[in-house]
Amino acid sequence: MNDLRLSQQNYEELFTNTSDAIWVQDMESNITLANEVCENSPAILFQN
């Protein structure tokens, strides 16, 4: 497995398995990616 693929796999596992809410926003504050913790947390409200 090359280094780039291994790095990507490690990032995906961290993003998926963490108990913390993680999301990515673009420059216009649109959420482009959010992990499952965000989706299941009543304390975090996301607008479409």
N, C-alpha and C. Protein backbone atom coordinates (compact mmCIF):
# COMPACT_ATOMS: atom_id res chain seq x y z
N MET A 1 0.86 -1.18 0.00
CA MET A 1 0.00 0.00 0.00
C MET A 1 0.90 1.23 0.00
N ASN A 2 0.61 2.18 -0.88
CA ASN A 2 1.48 3.35 -0.94
C ASN A 2 1.14 4.32 0.20
N ASP A 3 2.02 5.27 0.43
CA ASP A 3 1.89 6.20 1.55
C ASP A 3 0.63 7.06 1.46
N LEU A 4 0.29 7.51 0.26
CA LEU A 4 -0.89 8.35 0.10
C LEU A 4 -2.16 7.56 0.45
N ARG A 5 -2.27 6.35 -0.03
CA ARG A 5 -3.45 5.52 0.26
C ARG A 5 -3.53 5.21 1.75
N LEU A 6 -2.42 4.91 2.38
CA LEU A 6 -2.40 4.63 3.81
C LEU A 6 -2.82 5.86 4.61
N SER A 7 -2.34 7.02 4.22
CA SER A 7 -2.72 8.26 4.87
C SER A 7 -4.22 8.51 4.73
N GLN A 8 -4.75 8.30 3.54
CA GLN A 8 -6.18 8.48 3.29
C GLN A 8 -7.00 7.51 4.14
N GLN A 9 -6.57 6.28 4.22
CA GLN A 9 -7.28 5.27 5.01
C GLN A 9 -7.27 5.64 6.49
N ASN A 10 -6.15 6.12 7.00
CA ASN A 10 -6.05 6.54 8.40
C ASN A 10 -6.98 7.71 8.69
N TYR A 11 -7.04 8.68 7.78
CA TYR A 11 -7.91 9.83 7.94
C TYR A 11 -9.37 9.40 7.96
N GLU A 12 -9.76 8.53 7.04
CA GLU A 12 -11.14 8.06 6.97
C GLU A 12 -11.54 7.32 8.24
N GLU A 13 -10.65 6.51 8.78
CA GLU A 13 -10.94 5.78 10.02
C GLU A 13 -11.09 6.74 11.19
N LEU A 14 -10.25 7.73 11.27
CA LEU A 14 -10.35 8.74 12.33
C LEU A 14 -11.66 9.51 12.20
N PHE A 15 -11.99 9.95 11.01
CA PHE A 15 -13.21 10.72 10.74
C PHE A 15 -14.45 9.91 11.10
N THR A 16 -14.45 8.65 10.77
CA THR A 16 -15.61 7.78 10.97
C THR A 16 -15.74 7.31 12.42
N ASN A 17 -14.64 7.01 13.08
CA ASN A 17 -14.68 6.35 14.38
C ASN A 17 -14.54 7.26 15.57
N THR A 18 -14.35 8.53 15.38
CA THR A 18 -14.19 9.45 16.50
C THR A 18 -15.52 9.70 17.19
N SER A 19 -15.47 10.06 18.46
CA SER A 19 -16.70 10.43 19.18
C SER A 19 -16.95 11.93 19.10
N ASP A 20 -16.08 12.65 18.40
CA ASP A 20 -16.20 14.09 18.23
C ASP A 20 -16.91 14.42 16.92
N ALA A 21 -17.62 15.52 16.93
CA ALA A 21 -18.24 16.00 15.70
C ALA A 21 -17.18 16.66 14.83
N ILE A 22 -17.12 16.25 13.58
CA ILE A 22 -16.17 16.83 12.62
C ILE A 22 -16.93 17.16 11.35
N TRP A 23 -16.74 18.40 10.86
CA TRP A 23 -17.34 18.77 9.59
C TRP A 23 -16.39 19.67 8.84
N VAL A 24 -16.64 19.75 7.53
CA VAL A 24 -15.84 20.57 6.63
C VAL A 24 -16.78 21.57 5.98
N GLN A 25 -16.35 22.83 5.96
CA GLN A 25 -17.14 23.89 5.33
C GLN A 25 -16.33 24.52 4.21
N ASP A 26 -17.05 24.95 3.17
CA ASP A 26 -16.37 25.69 2.10
C ASP A 26 -16.29 27.17 2.46
N MET A 27 -15.81 27.98 1.58
CA MET A 27 -15.59 29.40 1.86
C MET A 27 -16.90 30.18 2.04
N GLU A 28 -18.01 29.61 1.60
CA GLU A 28 -19.31 30.25 1.78
C GLU A 28 -20.07 29.69 2.99
N SER A 29 -19.38 28.95 3.83
CA SER A 29 -19.92 28.31 5.05
C SER A 29 -20.91 27.20 4.76
N ASN A 30 -20.88 26.64 3.56
CA ASN A 30 -21.69 25.46 3.25
C ASN A 30 -20.97 24.23 3.78
N ILE A 31 -21.69 23.38 4.47
CA ILE A 31 -21.10 22.14 4.97
C ILE A 31 -20.98 21.17 3.81
N THR A 32 -19.77 20.72 3.56
CA THR A 32 -19.52 19.82 2.44
C THR A 32 -19.32 18.38 2.89
N LEU A 33 -19.02 18.19 4.18
CA LEU A 33 -18.79 16.85 4.70
C LEU A 33 -19.00 16.88 6.21
N ALA A 34 -19.69 15.88 6.75
CA ALA A 34 -19.91 15.79 8.19
C ALA A 34 -19.92 14.33 8.59
N ASN A 35 -19.35 14.04 9.76
CA ASN A 35 -19.36 12.65 10.20
C ASN A 35 -20.69 12.31 10.88
N GLU A 36 -20.86 11.06 11.22
CA GLU A 36 -22.12 10.57 11.77
C GLU A 36 -22.45 11.21 13.12
N VAL A 37 -21.45 11.58 13.89
CA VAL A 37 -21.70 12.23 15.18
C VAL A 37 -22.49 13.52 14.95
N CYS A 38 -22.16 14.26 13.94
CA CYS A 38 -22.90 15.49 13.61
C CYS A 38 -24.34 15.18 13.28
N GLU A 39 -24.55 14.14 12.52
CA GLU A 39 -25.89 13.79 12.09
C GLU A 39 -26.77 13.32 13.24
N ASN A 40 -26.17 12.74 14.26
CA ASN A 40 -26.93 12.15 15.37
C ASN A 40 -26.96 13.01 16.63
N SER A 41 -26.33 14.15 16.60
CA SER A 41 -26.25 14.98 17.80
C SER A 41 -27.34 16.04 17.82
N PRO A 42 -28.19 16.02 18.85
CA PRO A 42 -29.22 17.05 18.93
C PRO A 42 -28.66 18.44 19.27
N ALA A 43 -27.44 18.47 19.77
CA ALA A 43 -26.82 19.75 20.14
C ALA A 43 -26.25 20.49 18.94
N ILE A 44 -26.09 19.80 17.83
CA ILE A 44 -25.52 20.40 16.64
C ILE A 44 -26.60 20.51 15.59
N LEU A 45 -26.92 21.73 15.23
CA LEU A 45 -27.96 21.96 14.25
C LEU A 45 -27.35 22.41 12.93
N PHE A 46 -27.68 21.73 11.88
CA PHE A 46 -27.20 22.09 10.56
C PHE A 46 -28.38 22.51 9.71
N GLN A 47 -28.18 23.53 8.96
CA GLN A 47 -29.21 24.00 8.04
C GLN A 47 -28.81 23.64 6.62
N ASN A 48 -29.82 23.30 5.82
CA ASN A 48 -29.55 23.01 4.41
C ASN A 48 -29.55 24.29 3.62
